[in-house]
Amino acid sequence: DLYCRIAVRRHELFERLDNDVLLEVPVTFCDAALGA
């Protein structure tokens, strides 16, 4: 048989957390205070 071991490349935006993905989004002080 042939066994193929998988390696997933790091994504430039998303971090994998099991089946979830994490994205960090910068927001301004005003948007955080007032909503947006």
PDB file of all heavy atoms in Angstrom:
ATOM      1  N   ASP A   1       0.832  -1.198   0.000  1.00  0.00           N
ATOM      2  CA  ASP A   1       0.000   0.000   0.000  1.00  0.00           C
ATOM      3  C   ASP A   1       0.868   1.250   0.000  1.00  0.00           C
ATOM      4  O   ASP A   1       2.047   1.213   0.365  1.00  0.00           O
ATOM      5  CB  ASP A   1      -0.916   0.020   1.226  1.00  0.00           C
ATOM      6  CG  ASP A   1      -1.855  -1.175   1.274  1.00  0.00           C
ATOM      7  OD1 ASP A   1      -2.209  -1.688   0.191  1.00  0.00           O
ATOM      8  OD2 ASP A   1      -2.236  -1.595   2.385  1.00  0.00           O
ATOM      9  N   LEU A   2       0.268   2.353  -0.377  1.00  0.00           N
ATOM     10  CA  LEU A   2       0.924   3.658  -0.324  1.00  0.00           C
ATOM     11  C   LEU A   2       0.282   4.464   0.802  1.00  0.00           C
ATOM     12  O   LEU A   2      -0.940   4.574   0.878  1.00  0.00           O
ATOM     13  CB  LEU A   2       0.763   4.407  -1.652  1.00  0.00           C
ATOM     14  CG  LEU A   2       1.286   5.846  -1.697  1.00  0.00           C
ATOM     15  CD1 LEU A   2       2.796   5.876  -1.506  1.00  0.00           C
ATOM     16  CD2 LEU A   2       0.901   6.526  -3.003  1.00  0.00           C
ATOM     17  N   TYR A   3       1.124   4.995   1.701  1.00  0.00           N
ATOM     18  CA  TYR A   3       0.649   5.829   2.794  1.00  0.00           C
ATOM     19  C   TYR A   3       1.101   7.262   2.543  1.00  0.00           C
ATOM     20  O   TYR A   3       2.285   7.521   2.338  1.00  0.00           O
ATOM     21  CB  TYR A   3       1.178   5.330   4.136  1.00  0.00           C
ATOM     22  CG  TYR A   3       0.556   4.026   4.566  1.00  0.00           C
ATOM     23  CD1 TYR A   3       1.119   2.809   4.181  1.00  0.00           C
ATOM     24  CD2 TYR A   3      -0.598   4.002   5.338  1.00  0.00           C
ATOM     25  CE1 TYR A   3       0.541   1.603   4.560  1.00  0.00           C
ATOM     26  CE2 TYR A   3      -1.177   2.801   5.724  1.00  0.00           C
ATOM     27  CZ  TYR A   3      -0.603   1.606   5.333  1.00  0.00           C
ATOM     28  OH  TYR A   3      -1.182   0.422   5.712  1.00  0.00           O
ATOM     29  N   CYS A   4       0.141   8.165   2.553  1.00  0.00           N
ATOM     30  CA  CYS A   4       0.411   9.571   2.249  1.00  0.00           C
ATOM     31  C   CYS A   4       0.164  10.403   3.508  1.00  0.00           C
ATOM     32  O   CYS A   4      -0.974  10.505   3.977  1.00  0.00           O
ATOM     33  CB  CYS A   4      -0.502  10.017   1.105  1.00  0.00           C
ATOM     34  SG  CYS A   4      -0.269  11.709   0.591  1.00  0.00           S
ATOM     35  N   ARG A   5       1.230  10.961   4.074  1.00  0.00           N
ATOM     36  CA  ARG A   5       1.113  11.781   5.282  1.00  0.00           C
ATOM     37  C   ARG A   5       0.872  13.239   4.883  1.00  0.00           C
ATOM     38  O   ARG A   5       1.618  13.811   4.094  1.00  0.00           O
ATOM     39  CB  ARG A   5       2.367  11.675   6.145  1.00  0.00           C
ATOM     40  CG  ARG A   5       2.280  12.454   7.450  1.00  0.00           C
ATOM     41  CD  ARG A   5       3.567  12.351   8.230  1.00  0.00           C
ATOM     42  NE  ARG A   5       3.757  11.013   8.745  1.00  0.00           N
ATOM     43  CZ  ARG A   5       3.301  10.602   9.929  1.00  0.00           C
ATOM     44  NH1 ARG A   5       2.638  11.430  10.699  1.00  0.00           N
ATOM     45  NH2 ARG A   5       3.527   9.378  10.336  1.00  0.00           N
ATOM     46  N   ILE A   6      -0.170  13.833   5.467  1.00  0.00           N
ATOM     47  CA  ILE A   6      -0.613  15.170   5.069  1.00  0.00           C
ATOM     48  C   ILE A   6       0.011  16.249   5.965  1.00  0.00           C
ATOM     49  O   ILE A   6       0.103  16.089   7.183  1.00  0.00           O
ATOM     50  CB  ILE A   6      -2.157  15.272   5.140  1.00  0.00           C
ATOM     51  CG1 ILE A   6      -2.804  14.285   4.156  1.00  0.00           C
ATOM     52  CG2 ILE A   6      -2.625  16.685   4.861  1.00  0.00           C
ATOM     53  CD1 ILE A   6      -2.468  14.542   2.699  1.00  0.00           C
ATOM     54  N   ALA A   7       0.423  17.345   5.338  1.00  0.00           N
ATOM     55  CA  ALA A   7       0.861  18.540   6.058  1.00  0.00           C
ATOM     56  C   ALA A   7       0.108  19.727   5.460  1.00  0.00           C
ATOM     57  O   ALA A   7       0.157  19.944   4.242  1.00  0.00           O
ATOM     58  CB  ALA A   7       2.373  18.736   5.935  1.00  0.00           C
ATOM     59  N   VAL A   8      -0.622  20.480   6.300  1.00  0.00           N
ATOM     60  CA  VAL A   8      -1.396  21.632   5.832  1.00  0.00           C
ATOM     61  C   VAL A   8      -0.562  22.894   6.003  1.00  0.00           C
ATOM     62  O   VAL A   8      -0.090  23.203   7.101  1.00  0.00           O
ATOM     63  CB  VAL A   8      -2.728  21.765   6.603  1.00  0.00           C
ATOM     64  CG1 VAL A   8      -3.544  22.940   6.059  1.00  0.00           C
ATOM     65  CG2 VAL A   8      -3.539  20.471   6.498  1.00  0.00           C
ATOM     66  N   ARG A   9      -0.364  23.624   4.916  1.00  0.00           N
ATOM     67  CA  ARG A   9       0.428  24.860   4.959  1.00  0.00           C
ATOM     68  C   ARG A   9      -0.256  25.924   5.825  1.00  0.00           C
ATOM     69  O   ARG A   9      -1.487  26.013   5.877  1.00  0.00           O
ATOM     70  CB  ARG A   9       0.625  25.430   3.546  1.00  0.00           C
ATOM     71  CG  ARG A   9       1.620  24.712   2.706  1.00  0.00           C
ATOM     72  CD  ARG A   9       1.986  25.534   1.475  1.00  0.00           C
ATOM     73  NE  ARG A   9       0.826  25.792   0.635  1.00  0.00           N
ATOM     74  CZ  ARG A   9       0.390  24.968  -0.313  1.00  0.00           C
ATOM     75  NH1 ARG A   9       1.010  23.820  -0.532  1.00  0.00           N
ATOM     76  NH2 ARG A   9      -0.665  25.281  -1.042  1.00  0.00           N
ATOM     77  N   ARG A  10       0.553  26.750   6.463  1.00  0.00           N
ATOM     78  CA  ARG A  10       0.029  27.866   7.250  1.00  0.00           C
ATOM     79  C   ARG A  10      -0.619  28.895   6.316  1.00  0.00           C
ATOM     80  O   ARG A  10      -0.054  29.260   5.285  1.00  0.00           O
ATOM     81  CB  ARG A  10       1.158  28.521   8.044  1.00  0.00           C
ATOM     82  CG  ARG A  10       0.683  29.639   8.978  1.00  0.00           C
ATOM     83  CD  ARG A  10       1.876  30.270   9.673  1.00  0.00           C
ATOM     84  NE  ARG A  10       2.543  29.312  10.522  1.00  0.00           N
ATOM     85  CZ  ARG A  10       2.192  29.051  11.772  1.00  0.00           C
ATOM     86  NH1 ARG A  10       1.163  29.690  12.305  1.00  0.00           N
ATOM     87  NH2 ARG A  10       2.868  28.180  12.486  1.00  0.00           N
ATOM     88  N   HIS A  11      -1.804  29.350   6.687  1.00  0.00           N
ATOM     89  CA  HIS A  11      -2.524  30.338   5.876  1.00  0.00           C
ATOM     90  C   HIS A  11      -2.089  31.740   6.276  1.00  0.00           C
ATOM     91  O   HIS A  11      -1.758  32.000   7.442  1.00  0.00           O
ATOM     92  CB  HIS A  11      -4.035  30.173   6.075  1.00  0.00           C
ATOM     93  CG  HIS A  11      -4.870  30.855   5.030  1.00  0.00           C
ATOM     94  ND1 HIS A  11      -5.178  32.193   5.090  1.00  0.00           N
ATOM     95  CD2 HIS A  11      -5.464  30.374   3.898  1.00  0.00           C
ATOM     96  CE1 HIS A  11      -5.932  32.514   4.045  1.00  0.00           C
ATOM     97  NE2 HIS A  11      -6.115  31.431   3.308  1.00  0.00           N
ATOM     98  N   GLU A  12      -2.090  32.659   5.318  1.00  0.00           N
ATOM     99  CA  GLU A  12      -1.621  34.017   5.605  1.00  0.00           C
ATOM    100  C   GLU A  12      -2.600  34.813   6.462  1.00  0.00           C
ATOM    101  O   GLU A  12      -2.204  35.798   7.103  1.00  0.00           O
ATOM    102  CB  GLU A  12      -1.341  34.764   4.300  1.00  0.00           C
ATOM    103  CG  GLU A  12      -2.545  34.902   3.382  1.00  0.00           C
ATOM    104  CD  GLU A  12      -2.187  35.592   2.079  1.00  0.00           C
ATOM    105  OE1 GLU A  12      -1.132  36.247   2.047  1.00  0.00           O
ATOM    106  OE2 GLU A  12      -2.957  35.477   1.102  1.00  0.00           O
ATOM    107  N   LEU A  13      -3.878  34.412   6.497  1.00  0.00           N
ATOM    108  CA  LEU A  13      -4.869  35.150   7.282  1.00  0.00           C
ATOM    109  C   LEU A  13      -5.430  34.340   8.442  1.00  0.00           C
ATOM    110  O   LEU A  13      -5.618  34.860   9.536  1.00  0.00           O
ATOM    111  CB  LEU A  13      -6.044  35.596   6.389  1.00  0.00           C
ATOM    112  CG  LEU A  13      -5.767  36.650   5.329  1.00  0.00           C
ATOM    113  CD1 LEU A  13      -7.044  36.922   4.540  1.00  0.00           C
ATOM    114  CD2 LEU A  13      -5.260  37.939   5.962  1.00  0.00           C
ATOM    115  N   PHE A  14      -5.732  33.064   8.199  1.00  0.00           N
ATOM    116  CA  PHE A  14      -6.485  32.267   9.154  1.00  0.00           C
ATOM    117  C   PHE A  14      -5.591  31.294   9.911  1.00  0.00           C
ATOM    118  O   PHE A  14      -4.678  30.693   9.346  1.00  0.00           O
ATOM    119  CB  PHE A  14      -7.585  31.473   8.438  1.00  0.00           C
ATOM    120  CG  PHE A  14      -8.562  32.334   7.681  1.00  0.00           C
ATOM    121  CD1 PHE A  14      -8.496  32.437   6.304  1.00  0.00           C
ATOM    122  CD2 PHE A  14      -9.531  33.057   8.356  1.00  0.00           C
ATOM    123  CE1 PHE A  14      -9.384  33.225   5.599  1.00  0.00           C
ATOM    124  CE2 PHE A  14     -10.427  33.859   7.663  1.00  0.00           C
ATOM    125  CZ  PHE A  14     -10.356  33.944   6.281  1.00  0.00           C
ATOM    126  N   GLU A  15      -5.906  31.139  11.190  1.00  0.00           N
ATOM    127  CA  GLU A  15      -5.267  30.121  12.013  1.00  0.00           C
ATOM    128  C   GLU A  15      -6.278  29.002  12.255  1.00  0.00           C
ATOM    129  O   GLU A  15      -7.415  29.267  12.655  1.00  0.00           O
ATOM    130  CB  GLU A  15      -4.813  30.712  13.348  1.00  0.00           C
ATOM    131  CG  GLU A  15      -4.182  29.698  14.288  1.00  0.00           C
ATOM    132  CD  GLU A  15      -3.844  30.277  15.643  1.00  0.00           C
ATOM    133  OE1 GLU A  15      -3.927  31.522  15.798  1.00  0.00           O
ATOM    134  OE2 GLU A  15      -3.509  29.491  16.562  1.00  0.00           O
ATOM    135  N   ARG A  16      -5.859  27.760  12.035  1.00  0.00           N
ATOM    136  CA  ARG A  16      -6.785  26.645  12.214  1.00  0.00           C
ATOM    137  C   ARG A  16      -6.845  26.226  13.675  1.00  0.00           C
ATOM    138  O   ARG A  16      -5.815  26.031  14.328  1.00  0.00           O
ATOM    139  CB  ARG A  16      -6.351  25.453  11.351  1.00  0.00           C
ATOM    140  CG  ARG A  16      -7.339  24.294  11.426  1.00  0.00           C
ATOM    141  CD  ARG A  16      -6.947  23.156  10.521  1.00  0.00           C
ATOM    142  NE  ARG A  16      -8.012  22.154  10.464  1.00  0.00           N
ATOM    143  CZ  ARG A  16      -7.990  21.097   9.685  1.00  0.00           C
ATOM    144  NH1 ARG A  16      -6.955  20.874   8.875  1.00  0.00           N
ATOM    145  NH2 ARG A  16      -8.999  20.229   9.679  1.00  0.00           N
ATOM    146  N   LEU A  17      -8.067  26.076  14.192  1.00  0.00           N
ATOM    147  CA  LEU A  17      -8.305  25.571  15.541  1.00  0.00           C
ATOM    148  C   LEU A  17      -9.270  24.395  15.420  1.00  0.00           C
ATOM    149  O   LEU A  17     -10.487  24.573  15.536  1.00  0.00           O
ATOM    150  CB  LEU A  17      -8.874  26.668  16.453  1.00  0.00           C
ATOM    151  CG  LEU A  17      -8.048  27.951  16.591  1.00  0.00           C
ATOM    152  CD1 LEU A  17      -8.812  28.998  17.393  1.00  0.00           C
ATOM    153  CD2 LEU A  17      -6.702  27.659  17.250  1.00  0.00           C
ATOM    154  N   ASP A  18      -8.722  23.222  15.139  1.00  0.00           N
ATOM    155  CA  ASP A  18      -9.534  22.043  14.846  1.00  0.00           C
ATOM    156  C   ASP A  18     -10.398  22.338  13.620  1.00  0.00           C
ATOM    157  O   ASP A  18      -9.861  22.572  12.554  1.00  0.00           O
ATOM    158  CB  ASP A  18     -10.360  21.639  16.065  1.00  0.00           C
ATOM    159  CG  ASP A  18     -10.879  20.211  15.930  1.00  0.00           C
ATOM    160  OD1 ASP A  18     -10.443  19.491  15.005  1.00  0.00           O
ATOM    161  OD2 ASP A  18     -11.722  19.798  16.752  1.00  0.00           O
ATOM    162  N   ASN A  19     -11.731  22.377  13.775  1.00  0.00           N
ATOM    163  CA  ASN A  19     -12.580  22.681  12.627  1.00  0.00           C
ATOM    164  C   ASN A  19     -12.968  24.155  12.560  1.00  0.00           C
ATOM    165  O   ASN A  19     -13.641  24.576  11.620  1.00  0.00           O
ATOM    166  CB  ASN A  19     -13.844  21.822  12.654  1.00  0.00           C
ATOM    167  CG  ASN A  19     -13.550  20.358  12.404  1.00  0.00           C
ATOM    168  OD1 ASN A  19     -12.558  20.017  11.765  1.00  0.00           O
ATOM    169  ND2 ASN A  19     -14.407  19.484  12.916  1.00  0.00           N
ATOM    170  N   ASP A  20     -12.576  24.935  13.564  1.00  0.00           N
ATOM    171  CA  ASP A  20     -12.782  26.383  13.527  1.00  0.00           C
ATOM    172  C   ASP A  20     -11.555  27.059  12.922  1.00  0.00           C
ATOM    173  O   ASP A  20     -10.459  26.488  12.883  1.00  0.00           O
ATOM    174  CB  ASP A  20     -13.004  26.934  14.940  1.00  0.00           C
ATOM    175  CG  ASP A  20     -14.282  26.415  15.589  1.00  0.00           C
ATOM    176  OD1 ASP A  20     -15.210  26.034  14.842  1.00  0.00           O
ATOM    177  OD2 ASP A  20     -14.339  26.380  16.835  1.00  0.00           O
ATOM    178  N   VAL A  21     -11.773  28.279  12.435  1.00  0.00           N
ATOM    179  CA  VAL A  21     -10.642  29.104  11.991  1.00  0.00           C
ATOM    180  C   VAL A  21     -10.717  30.437  12.731  1.00  0.00           C
ATOM    181  O   VAL A  21     -11.806  30.942  13.036  1.00  0.00           O
ATOM    182  CB  VAL A  21     -10.642  29.332  10.463  1.00  0.00           C
ATOM    183  CG1 VAL A  21     -10.363  28.037   9.731  1.00  0.00           C
ATOM    184  CG2 VAL A  21     -11.950  29.958   9.988  1.00  0.00           C
ATOM    185  N   LEU A  22      -9.546  30.993  13.024  1.00  0.00           N
ATOM    186  CA  LEU A  22      -9.463  32.247  13.779  1.00  0.00           C
ATOM    187  C   LEU A  22      -8.868  33.333  12.897  1.00  0.00           C
ATOM    188  O   LEU A  22      -7.861  33.120  12.219  1.00  0.00           O
ATOM    189  CB  LEU A  22      -8.589  32.044  15.022  1.00  0.00           C
ATOM    190  CG  LEU A  22      -8.291  33.295  15.848  1.00  0.00           C
ATOM    191  CD1 LEU A  22      -9.563  33.825  16.500  1.00  0.00           C
ATOM    192  CD2 LEU A  22      -7.226  33.002  16.899  1.00  0.00           C
ATOM    193  N   LEU A  23      -9.521  34.502  12.920  1.00  0.00           N
ATOM    194  CA  LEU A  23      -9.043  35.665  12.179  1.00  0.00           C
ATOM    195  C   LEU A  23      -8.953  36.842  13.147  1.00  0.00           C
ATOM    196  O   LEU A  23      -9.895  37.115  13.888  1.00  0.00           O
ATOM    197  CB  LEU A  23     -10.006  35.998  11.039  1.00  0.00           C
ATOM    198  CG  LEU A  23      -9.714  37.277  10.247  1.00  0.00           C
ATOM    199  CD1 LEU A  23      -8.458  37.114   9.396  1.00  0.00           C
ATOM    200  CD2 LEU A  23     -10.914  37.661   9.381  1.00  0.00           C
ATOM    201  N   GLU A  24      -7.836  37.553  13.153  1.00  0.00           N
ATOM    202  CA  GLU A  24      -7.695  38.758  13.955  1.00  0.00           C
ATOM    203  C   GLU A  24      -8.009  39.978  13.090  1.00  0.00           C
ATOM    204  O   GLU A  24      -7.443  40.130  11.998  1.00  0.00           O
ATOM    205  CB  GLU A  24      -6.297  38.870  14.548  1.00  0.00           C
ATOM    206  CG  GLU A  24      -6.009  37.838  15.626  1.00  0.00           C
ATOM    207  CD  GLU A  24      -4.734  38.131  16.390  1.00  0.00           C
ATOM    208  OE1 GLU A  24      -3.914  38.930  15.883  1.00  0.00           O
ATOM    209  OE2 GLU A  24      -4.549  37.552  17.489  1.00  0.00           O
ATOM    210  N   VAL A  25      -8.927  40.824  13.595  1.00  0.00           N
ATOM    211  CA  VAL A  25      -9.359  41.994  12.833  1.00  0.00           C
ATOM    212  C   VAL A  25      -9.088  43.257  13.645  1.00  0.00           C
ATOM    213  O   VAL A  25      -9.647  43.424  14.744  1.00  0.00           O
ATOM    214  CB  VAL A  25     -10.866  41.914  12.497  1.00  0.00           C
ATOM    215  CG1 VAL A  25     -11.326  43.196  11.812  1.00  0.00           C
ATOM    216  CG2 VAL A  25     -11.147  40.715  11.608  1.00  0.00           C
ATOM    217  N   PRO A  26      -8.241  44.157  13.162  1.00  0.00           N
ATOM    218  CA  PRO A  26      -8.019  45.421  13.866  1.00  0.00           C
ATOM    219  C   PRO A  26      -9.194  46.375  13.634  1.00  0.00           C
ATOM    220  O   PRO A  26      -9.716  46.489  12.522  1.00  0.00           O
ATOM    221  CB  PRO A  26      -6.731  45.951  13.234  1.00  0.00           C
ATOM    222  CG  PRO A  26      -6.676  45.322  11.874  1.00  0.00           C
ATOM    223  CD  PRO A  26      -7.374  44.013  11.982  1.00  0.00           C
ATOM    224  N   VAL A  27      -9.648  47.045  14.694  1.00  0.00           N
ATOM    225  CA  VAL A  27     -10.714  48.051  14.576  1.00  0.00           C
ATOM    226  C   VAL A  27     -10.252  49.319  15.277  1.00  0.00           C
ATOM    227  O   VAL A  27      -9.393  49.297  16.169  1.00  0.00           O
ATOM    228  CB  VAL A  27     -12.047  47.562  15.191  1.00  0.00           C
ATOM    229  CG1 VAL A  27     -12.531  46.304  14.494  1.00  0.00           C
ATOM    230  CG2 VAL A  27     -11.909  47.314  16.680  1.00  0.00           C
ATOM    231  N   THR A  28     -10.828  50.423  14.890  1.00  0.00           N
ATOM    232  CA  THR A  28     -10.457  51.700  15.500  1.00  0.00           C
ATOM    233  C   THR A  28     -11.090  51.831  16.881  1.00  0.00           C
ATOM    234  O   THR A  28     -12.065  51.150  17.218  1.00  0.00           O
ATOM    235  CB  THR A  28     -10.910  52.877  14.628  1.00  0.00           C
ATOM    236  OG1 THR A  28     -12.349  52.908  14.603  1.00  0.00           O
ATOM    237  CG2 THR A  28     -10.376  52.731  13.202  1.00  0.00           C
ATOM    238  N   PHE A  29     -10.527  52.755  17.669  1.00  0.00           N
ATOM    239  CA  PHE A  29     -11.071  53.033  19.002  1.00  0.00           C
ATOM    240  C   PHE A  29     -12.526  53.484  18.894  1.00  0.00           C
ATOM    241  O   PHE A  29     -13.385  53.073  19.682  1.00  0.00           O
ATOM    242  CB  PHE A  29     -10.207  54.103  19.674  1.00  0.00           C
ATOM    243  CG  PHE A  29     -10.740  54.577  20.989  1.00  0.00           C
ATOM    244  CD1 PHE A  29     -10.525  53.853  22.142  1.00  0.00           C
ATOM    245  CD2 PHE A  29     -11.477  55.760  21.066  1.00  0.00           C
ATOM    246  CE1 PHE A  29     -11.030  54.289  23.363  1.00  0.00           C
ATOM    247  CE2 PHE A  29     -11.981  56.200  22.281  1.00  0.00           C
ATOM    248  CZ  PHE A  29     -11.746  55.460  23.426  1.00  0.00           C
ATOM    249  N   CYS A  30     -12.808  54.297  17.900  1.00  0.00           N
ATOM    250  CA  CYS A  30     -14.173  54.816  17.745  1.00  0.00           C
ATOM    251  C   CYS A  30     -15.152  53.710  17.380  1.00  0.00           C
ATOM    252  O   CYS A  30     -16.266  53.651  17.908  1.00  0.00           O
ATOM    253  CB  CYS A  30     -14.192  55.917  16.686  1.00  0.00           C
ATOM    254  SG  CYS A  30     -13.340  57.428  17.184  1.00  0.00           S
ATOM    255  N   ASP A  31     -14.761  52.820  16.455  1.00  0.00           N
ATOM    256  CA  ASP A  31     -15.652  51.720  16.058  1.00  0.00           C
ATOM    257  C   ASP A  31     -15.924  50.794  17.240  1.00  0.00           C
ATOM    258  O   ASP A  31     -17.044  50.294  17.405  1.00  0.00           O
ATOM    259  CB  ASP A  31     -15.034  50.922  14.918  1.00  0.00           C
ATOM    260  CG  ASP A  31     -15.131  51.634  13.582  1.00  0.00           C
ATOM    261  OD1 ASP A  31     -15.936  52.589  13.486  1.00  0.00           O
ATOM    262  OD2 ASP A  31     -14.408  51.238  12.641  1.00  0.00           O
ATOM    263  N   ALA A  32     -14.905  50.553  18.068  1.00  0.00           N
ATOM    264  CA  ALA A  32     -15.102  49.684  19.228  1.00  0.00           C
ATOM    265  C   ALA A  32     -16.024  50.342  20.246  1.00  0.00           C
ATOM    266  O   ALA A  32     -16.864  49.679  20.877  1.00  0.00           O
ATOM    267  CB  ALA A  32     -13.756  49.349  19.862  1.00  0.00           C
ATOM    268  N   ALA A  33     -15.891  51.653  20.399  1.00  0.00           N
ATOM    269  CA  ALA A  33     -16.701  52.355  21.393  1.00  0.00           C
ATOM    270  C   ALA A  33     -18.132  52.571  20.915  1.00  0.00           C
ATOM    271  O   ALA A  33     -19.086  52.419  21.688  1.00  0.00           O
ATOM    272  CB  ALA A  33     -16.049  53.692  21.738  1.00  0.00           C
ATOM    273  N   LEU A  34     -18.287  52.927  19.640  1.00  0.00           N
ATOM    274  CA  LEU A  34     -19.603  53.305  19.127  1.00  0.00           C
ATOM    275  C   LEU A  34     -20.318  52.170  18.408  1.00  0.00           C
ATOM    276  O   LEU A  34     -21.532  52.231  18.199  1.00  0.00           O
ATOM    277  CB  LEU A  34     -19.451  54.490  18.154  1.00  0.00           C
ATOM    278  CG  LEU A  34     -18.809  55.739  18.729  1.00  0.00           C
ATOM    279  CD1 LEU A  34     -18.619  56.787  17.641  1.00  0.00           C
ATOM    280  CD2 LEU A  34     -19.649  56.297  19.874  1.00  0.00           C
ATOM    281  N   GLY A  35     -19.568  51.134  18.032  1.00  0.00           N
ATOM    282  CA  GLY A  35     -20.147  50.048  17.236  1.00  0.00           C
ATOM    283  C   GLY A  35     -19.966  50.326  15.758  1.00  0.00           C
ATOM    284  O   GLY A  35     -19.826  51.472  15.326  1.00  0.00           O
ATOM    285  N   ALA A  36     -19.954  49.250  14.969  1.00  0.00           N
ATOM    286  CA  ALA A  36     -19.753  49.407  13.523  1.00  0.00           C
ATOM    287  C   ALA A  36     -20.130  48.116  12.824  1.00  0.00           C
ATOM    288  O   ALA A  36     -20.325  47.072  13.454  1.00  0.00           O
ATOM    289  CB  ALA A  36     -18.300  49.776  13.217  1.00  0.00           C
TER     290      ALA A  36
END
